[in-house]
Amino acid sequence: MSKTPLTLCLWYEGDAEEAASFYAATFADSHVGAVHRAPVDTPGGKEGDVLTVEFTLLGMPCLGLNGPPMFKHSEAFSFIVHTDTQEETDRLWDAIVANGGQESVCGWCKDKWGVSWQITPRVLLEATTGSDKAAARRAFEAMMTMKKIDIAAIEAAVKG
């Protein structure tokens, strides 16, 4: 288990190990650590089933917990992944969506386990929070028409 004072725990319905493996293969500075099996029967499984999976996601310690289908992920919680290029934005977005995920709007998508992701180019944040209020408005309005963020379109909106 991580020695840091904070570990993010995510609830899965028996597929925490699959999710952790996908995240490790998709995101930089990510890997699967220890896999722990249930020492006894649990409400979500049997003795010997995978109970928890320790993994690191973009350098953050996480724990995938396999439990019964009583708690669902929602958009009230999301991972924001900052990207530097369209290629990186496309790669991450496409990996999540192509693996059974769903597109949403304004850079949001959901993976096949229901975890929400914001794949957010830094240029979008800079444009929408900058001191040029007219440019910020144009960039924000452009973003509102998108699913996956198009960096060139955001840059064009900033220029007017």
Protein backbone atom coordinates (compact mmCIF):
# COMPACT_ATOMS: atom_id res chain seq x y z
CA MET A 1 0.00 0.00 0.00
CA SER A 2 1.12 3.54 -0.73
CA LYS A 3 3.01 5.49 1.94
CA THR A 4 1.37 8.76 0.82
CA PRO A 5 -1.34 10.22 3.08
CA LEU A 6 -3.99 9.98 0.35
CA THR A 7 -5.13 7.08 -1.82
CA LEU A 8 -8.12 7.38 -4.12
CA CYS A 9 -10.50 4.41 -3.83
CA LEU A 10 -12.69 3.52 -6.81
CA TRP A 11 -15.56 1.01 -6.58
CA TYR A 12 -15.93 -1.60 -9.32
CA GLU A 13 -18.30 -4.51 -9.81
CA GLY A 14 -15.73 -7.29 -10.04
CA ASP A 15 -13.50 -5.78 -12.71
CA ALA A 16 -11.10 -3.56 -10.75
CA GLU A 17 -8.12 -5.49 -12.08
CA GLU A 18 -9.25 -5.00 -15.70
CA ALA A 19 -9.79 -1.29 -15.11
CA ALA A 20 -6.40 -0.85 -13.43
CA SER A 21 -4.70 -2.68 -16.30
CA PHE A 22 -6.43 -0.45 -18.86
CA TYR A 23 -5.42 2.71 -17.00
CA ALA A 24 -1.83 1.49 -16.69
CA ALA A 25 -1.64 0.77 -20.42
CA THR A 26 -3.26 4.10 -21.39
CA PHE A 27 -1.83 6.77 -19.10
CA ALA A 28 1.77 7.78 -18.46
CA ASP A 29 3.23 7.24 -14.99
CA SER A 30 0.65 4.51 -14.31
CA HIS A 31 1.03 0.89 -13.30
CA VAL A 32 -0.70 -1.96 -11.51
CA GLY A 33 0.70 -2.89 -8.12
CA ALA A 34 -0.50 -5.52 -5.69
CA VAL A 35 -3.65 -7.57 -6.24
CA HIS A 36 -5.31 -8.71 -3.01
CA ARG A 37 -7.77 -11.58 -2.79
CA ALA A 38 -10.69 -11.82 -0.37
CA PRO A 39 -9.77 -13.91 2.69
CA VAL A 40 -13.46 -14.82 3.15
CA ASP A 41 -16.73 -14.53 1.23
CA THR A 42 -17.84 -10.90 0.85
CA PRO A 43 -21.14 -9.26 -0.19
CA GLY A 44 -19.60 -8.80 -3.65
CA GLY A 45 -17.79 -12.09 -4.11
CA LYS A 46 -16.33 -15.28 -2.84
CA GLU A 47 -13.22 -16.15 -0.87
CA GLY A 48 -10.23 -15.97 -3.22
CA ASP A 49 -11.80 -13.47 -5.64
CA VAL A 50 -9.89 -10.28 -6.34
CA LEU A 51 -10.99 -7.86 -3.63
CA THR A 52 -8.69 -4.89 -4.17
CA VAL A 53 -6.10 -3.79 -6.71
CA GLU A 54 -3.45 -1.23 -5.89
CA PHE A 55 -2.54 0.89 -8.88
CA THR A 56 -0.94 4.19 -9.73
CA LEU A 57 -2.73 6.49 -12.16
CA LEU A 58 -0.72 9.41 -13.52
CA GLY A 59 1.42 9.23 -10.39
CA MET A 60 -1.57 9.13 -8.00
CA PRO A 61 -1.98 6.12 -5.72
CA CYS A 62 -5.35 4.43 -6.23
CA LEU A 63 -7.16 1.38 -4.98
CA GLY A 64 -9.74 -0.47 -7.05
CA LEU A 65 -12.26 -2.16 -4.79
CA ASN A 66 -14.52 -4.92 -6.12
CA GLY A 67 -17.92 -4.74 -4.51
CA PRO A 68 -21.55 -5.57 -5.20
CA PRO A 69 -23.52 -3.40 -7.65
CA MET A 70 -24.79 -0.94 -5.07
CA PHE A 71 -22.72 2.18 -5.84
CA LYS A 72 -22.32 3.75 -9.27
CA HIS A 73 -19.82 6.26 -10.58
CA SER A 74 -21.26 9.61 -11.64
CA GLU A 75 -20.19 12.82 -13.33
CA ALA A 76 -20.03 14.39 -9.86
CA PHE A 77 -16.50 12.97 -9.79
CA SER A 78 -14.12 13.03 -12.72
CA PHE A 79 -10.44 12.81 -13.52
CA ILE A 80 -9.10 15.84 -15.38
CA VAL A 81 -6.17 14.92 -17.60
CA HIS A 82 -4.26 17.91 -18.95
CA THR A 83 -2.85 17.43 -22.44
CA ASP A 84 -0.33 19.42 -24.45
CA THR A 85 -1.10 18.40 -28.03
CA GLN A 86 -4.00 17.32 -30.21
CA GLU A 87 -2.26 14.00 -30.71
CA GLU A 88 -2.20 13.36 -26.96
CA THR A 89 -5.79 14.55 -26.59
CA ASP A 90 -6.93 12.26 -29.41
CA ARG A 91 -4.97 9.26 -28.12
CA LEU A 92 -6.42 9.41 -24.60
CA TRP A 93 -9.97 10.26 -25.66
CA ASP A 94 -9.99 7.62 -28.36
CA ALA A 95 -8.56 4.96 -26.01
CA ILE A 96 -11.29 5.56 -23.43
CA VAL A 97 -14.14 5.69 -25.93
CA ALA A 98 -12.90 2.77 -28.07
CA ASN A 99 -12.64 0.55 -24.98
CA GLY A 100 -16.40 0.61 -24.41
CA GLY A 101 -16.60 4.19 -23.13
CA GLN A 102 -18.94 7.00 -24.09
CA GLU A 103 -18.41 10.45 -25.52
CA SER A 104 -19.96 13.36 -23.71
CA VAL A 105 -19.50 17.09 -24.29
CA CYS A 106 -16.90 19.78 -23.63
CA GLY A 107 -14.00 17.33 -23.35
CA TRP A 108 -15.80 14.86 -21.07
CA CYS A 109 -16.05 11.15 -21.71
CA LYS A 110 -16.83 8.13 -19.59
CA ASP A 111 -14.93 4.84 -19.53
CA LYS A 112 -16.66 1.47 -19.70
CA TRP A 113 -16.72 1.27 -15.90
CA GLY A 114 -18.60 4.56 -15.61
CA VAL A 115 -15.65 6.69 -14.46
CA SER A 116 -15.80 10.20 -15.94
CA TRP A 117 -12.77 11.80 -17.56
CA GLN A 118 -12.10 15.33 -18.74
CA ILE A 119 -9.43 15.22 -21.44
CA THR A 120 -8.47 18.88 -21.30
CA PRO A 121 -5.84 20.55 -23.47
CA ARG A 122 -3.89 23.18 -21.54
CA VAL A 123 -4.55 25.64 -24.37
CA LEU A 124 -8.27 25.46 -23.53
CA LEU A 125 -7.64 26.33 -19.89
CA GLU A 126 -5.32 29.16 -20.84
CA ALA A 127 -7.84 30.52 -23.34
CA THR A 128 -10.88 30.38 -21.07
CA THR A 129 -9.14 31.77 -17.97
CA GLY A 130 -6.94 34.39 -19.60
CA SER A 131 -7.20 38.13 -19.09
CA ASP A 132 -8.67 38.76 -22.57
CA LYS A 133 -12.35 38.34 -21.68
CA ALA A 134 -13.56 38.50 -25.31
CA ALA A 135 -11.13 35.76 -26.33
CA ALA A 136 -12.11 33.70 -23.28
CA ARG A 137 -15.76 34.02 -24.27
CA ARG A 138 -15.07 32.94 -27.85
CA ALA A 139 -12.99 29.98 -26.69
CA PHE A 140 -15.67 28.94 -24.19
CA GLU A 141 -18.41 29.20 -26.80
CA ALA A 142 -16.33 27.10 -29.20
CA MET A 143 -15.76 24.49 -26.50
CA MET A 144 -19.51 24.28 -25.86
CA THR A 145 -20.00 22.96 -29.42
CA MET A 146 -17.45 20.15 -29.05
CA LYS A 147 -17.29 16.65 -27.69
CA LYS A 148 -13.54 15.95 -27.89
CA ILE A 149 -11.65 19.26 -27.71
CA ASP A 150 -10.22 20.51 -31.00
CA ILE A 151 -7.15 22.59 -30.15
CA ALA A 152 -6.97 24.28 -33.57
CA ALA A 153 -10.61 25.39 -33.26
CA ILE A 154 -9.96 26.78 -29.78
CA GLU A 155 -6.90 28.67 -31.03
CA ALA A 156 -8.92 30.04 -33.97
CA ALA A 157 -11.68 31.17 -31.60
CA VAL A 158 -9.15 32.98 -29.43
CA LYS A 159 -7.86 34.86 -32.47
CA GLY A 160 -11.41 35.80 -33.42
